[in-house]
Protein backbone atom coordinates (compact mmCIF):
# COMPACT_ATOMS: atom_id res chain seq x y z
CA UNK A 1 6.91 6.29 -8.90
CA UNK A 2 4.56 3.17 -7.71
CA UNK A 3 1.47 3.41 -5.41
CA UNK A 4 -0.07 0.56 -3.58
CA UNK A 5 -3.37 0.53 -1.11
CA UNK A 6 -1.34 2.20 1.63
CA UNK A 7 2.27 2.64 0.36
CA UNK A 8 4.05 5.59 -2.26
CA UNK A 9 7.06 4.16 -3.16
CA UNK A 10 9.70 6.32 -5.33
CA UNK A 11 12.91 7.03 -5.84
CA UNK A 12 15.39 8.25 -3.62
CA UNK A 13 15.95 11.81 -3.87
CA UNK A 14 18.24 15.03 -1.99
CA UNK A 15 15.36 16.17 -0.83
CA UNK A 16 14.52 12.65 0.81
CA UNK A 17 18.29 13.20 3.82
CA UNK A 18 16.28 14.91 6.62
CA UNK A 19 13.46 12.30 6.30
CA UNK A 20 16.08 9.60 5.84
CA UNK A 21 18.14 10.71 8.78
CA UNK A 22 15.18 10.55 11.59
CA UNK A 23 14.17 7.19 10.23
CA UNK A 24 17.91 5.86 10.96
CA UNK A 25 18.06 7.65 13.94
CA UNK A 26 14.52 6.02 15.01
CA UNK A 27 15.02 2.70 13.89
CA UNK A 28 18.99 2.50 15.13
CA UNK A 29 18.35 -0.09 17.36
CA UNK A 30 15.91 -1.95 15.41
CA UNK A 31 17.87 -2.52 12.38
CA UNK A 32 21.02 -3.32 14.08
CA UNK A 33 21.02 -7.02 14.56
CA UNK A 34 20.24 -7.11 10.66
CA UNK A 35 23.12 -4.35 9.05
CA UNK A 36 26.49 -3.82 9.11
CA UNK A 37 28.02 -2.08 11.73
CA UNK A 38 27.32 2.00 11.47
CA UNK A 39 30.07 4.51 12.27
CA UNK A 40 28.34 8.01 14.06
CA UNK A 41 28.87 9.50 10.73
CA UNK A 42 25.66 7.60 9.06
CA UNK A 43 23.31 9.10 11.48
CA UNK A 44 24.27 12.74 10.45
CA UNK A 45 22.83 14.97 7.08
CA UNK A 46 25.71 15.05 5.77
CA UNK A 47 25.75 11.59 4.74
CA UNK A 48 21.96 10.94 4.29
CA UNK A 49 22.32 13.68 1.56
CA UNK A 50 25.45 11.87 0.18
CA UNK A 51 23.62 8.75 0.42
CA UNK A 52 20.81 10.31 -1.65
CA UNK A 53 22.73 11.58 -3.86
CA UNK A 54 24.17 7.94 -4.61
CA UNK A 55 21.02 7.23 -4.77
CA UNK A 56 19.99 8.97 -7.68
CA UNK A 57 23.42 8.50 -9.60
CA UNK A 58 22.85 4.62 -9.37
CA UNK A 59 19.11 5.18 -10.55
CA UNK A 60 20.46 7.19 -13.50
CA UNK A 61 23.30 4.44 -14.00
CA UNK A 62 20.76 1.45 -14.25
CA UNK A 63 22.84 -0.04 -11.38
CA UNK A 64 20.63 0.14 -8.33
CA UNK A 65 17.37 1.34 -7.71
CA UNK A 66 17.20 2.61 -3.88
CA UNK A 67 13.19 2.90 -3.16
CA UNK A 68 12.05 4.84 -0.53
CA UNK A 69 8.67 4.07 0.78
CA UNK A 70 6.11 6.66 2.37
CA UNK A 71 2.99 6.92 4.18
CA UNK A 72 0.77 8.74 1.41
CA UNK A 73 -0.85 10.92 4.00
CA UNK A 74 1.53 11.89 6.02
CA UNK A 75 4.40 12.04 3.88
CA UNK A 76 6.27 9.45 7.06
CA UNK A 77 9.16 7.55 5.62
CA UNK A 78 8.45 3.79 6.64
CA UNK A 79 11.37 1.79 5.05
CA UNK A 80 13.29 1.22 2.01
CA UNK A 81 13.10 -1.72 -0.47
CA UNK A 82 16.31 -1.16 -3.15
CA UNK A 83 17.29 -3.57 -6.21
CA UNK A 84 20.66 -3.41 -6.10
CA UNK A 85 23.98 -4.58 -8.36
CA UNK A 86 21.51 -4.64 -11.27
CA UNK A 87 23.53 -7.22 -14.06
CA UNK A 88 22.38 -6.48 -17.47
CA UNK A 89 23.57 -8.74 -20.33
CA UNK A 90 22.55 -12.78 -20.25
CA UNK A 91 22.06 -12.40 -16.36
CA UNK A 92 19.33 -9.53 -15.96
CA UNK A 93 19.64 -9.63 -11.89
CA UNK A 94 19.55 -8.21 -8.97
CA UNK A 95 19.85 -7.86 -5.52
CA UNK A 96 17.05 -7.40 -2.78
CA UNK A 97 17.39 -5.81 0.14
CA UNK A 98 14.43 -4.14 2.01
CA UNK A 99 13.91 -2.69 5.82
CA UNK A 100 11.03 -1.63 7.56
CA UNK A 101 9.87 1.23 10.95
CA UNK A 102 10.00 -1.36 14.23
CA UNK A 103 7.14 0.61 15.05
CA UNK A 104 5.56 -0.45 10.87
CA UNK A 105 6.29 -3.84 11.07
CA UNK A 106 3.67 -6.70 10.93
CA UNK A 107 0.73 -4.75 9.49
CA UNK A 108 1.72 -6.27 5.82
CA UNK A 109 3.28 -3.08 4.57
CA UNK A 110 6.30 -5.03 3.52
CA UNK A 111 4.73 -7.23 1.93
CA UNK A 112 2.62 -4.83 -0.28
CA UNK A 113 5.36 -2.67 -1.11
CA UNK A 114 7.83 -5.99 -2.51
CA UNK A 115 4.68 -7.39 -4.45
CA UNK A 116 4.36 -3.74 -6.05
CA UNK A 117 8.06 -3.58 -6.82
CA UNK A 118 8.78 -6.59 -7.57
CA UNK A 119 6.29 -6.61 -10.79
CA UNK A 120 8.08 -2.85 -11.74
CA UNK A 121 11.64 -4.90 -11.47
CA UNK A 122 10.12 -7.67 -13.65
CA UNK A 123 7.70 -5.71 -16.13
CA UNK A 124 9.19 -2.18 -16.97
CA UNK A 125 13.15 -2.86 -15.88
CA UNK A 126 12.92 -6.04 -17.67
CA UNK A 127 14.56 -8.41 -14.99
CA UNK A 128 14.83 -11.93 -15.17
CA UNK A 129 15.81 -12.74 -11.55
CA UNK A 130 15.57 -11.14 -8.14
CA UNK A 131 18.08 -12.21 -5.79
CA UNK A 132 17.36 -12.03 -1.47
CA UNK A 133 19.60 -13.35 1.16
CA UNK A 134 18.75 -13.54 4.59
CA UNK A 135 20.28 -14.78 7.95
CA UNK A 136 19.17 -18.24 8.90
CA UNK A 137 17.61 -16.94 12.11
CA UNK A 138 15.80 -14.07 10.48
CA UNK A 139 12.34 -16.16 10.39
CA UNK A 140 10.27 -12.84 9.27
CA UNK A 141 12.36 -12.47 6.29
CA UNK A 142 11.98 -16.35 5.26
CA UNK A 143 7.97 -16.43 5.81
CA UNK A 144 8.48 -12.73 3.40
CA UNK A 145 10.31 -14.12 0.99
CA UNK A 146 8.29 -17.61 0.84
CA UNK A 147 5.23 -15.95 0.60
CA UNK A 148 6.34 -13.40 -2.47
CA UNK A 149 7.50 -16.85 -4.18
CA UNK A 150 11.34 -16.38 -3.47
CA UNK A 151 13.17 -20.16 -3.81
CA UNK A 152 15.80 -21.41 -1.63
CA UNK A 153 18.72 -21.66 -3.69
CA UNK A 154 21.57 -22.64 -1.73
CA UNK A 155 23.61 -21.03 1.89
CA UNK A 156 26.44 -19.34 2.08
CA UNK A 157 28.88 -19.67 5.05
CA UNK A 158 30.20 -16.44 6.27
CA UNK A 159 28.61 -14.22 3.61
CA UNK A 160 28.71 -10.60 5.18
CA UNK A 161 29.87 -9.08 7.99
CA UNK A 162 26.80 -8.11 9.65
CA UNK A 163 26.47 -6.75 13.01
CA UNK A 164 30.12 -6.67 13.56
CA UNK A 165 30.27 -10.84 12.87
CA UNK A 166 30.84 -12.40 9.24
CA UNK A 167 27.30 -14.22 9.54
CA UNK A 168 25.74 -17.44 6.99
CA UNK A 169 23.17 -16.24 4.71
CA UNK A 170 20.38 -18.02 3.08
CA UNK A 171 20.29 -17.72 -0.68
CA UNK A 172 16.92 -17.57 -2.47
CA UNK A 173 15.82 -15.43 -5.82
CA UNK A 174 12.49 -15.12 -7.75
CA UNK A 175 12.53 -15.69 -11.79
CA UNK A 176 9.72 -13.88 -13.45
CA UNK A 177 7.44 -16.38 -14.88
CA UNK A 178 8.22 -16.96 -18.75
CA UNK A 179 5.65 -16.34 -21.33
């Protein structure tokens, strides 16, 4: 569990499924341009429950860390940060994904959450590299990642199928500062 001045960050649990469902439904249109197409079943409690069980299994196996961001006072789910595809051995790296509810955008909350998450990833998790990719026209993500110290490493054509179309992505990474 991580705590910042305005956010409680913790691993997802099955008990979070109803809050995840509310978040998904309320932010369906807001997140649609940045995510894969979602089938109707994605917006059901049963699927949210499966997502939470998979999240616990992923963390237990050190494959990924799906984190949820909560308002510490109201307990509202504000967004998510996910460290996925964790690779150990000589690589010690993962992919970073994140999203925030439309009504919480523009308040610096994601920057705050990512600073804490990255410190945890490079500290307690012992990762060396965190990679984050964004759509070329997603200027908000480009600015956010730049402020966090991510550096552009490349450009991948037709990298992921987002919003129903294969889309290019800018590849960035942040490397742990060596002692």
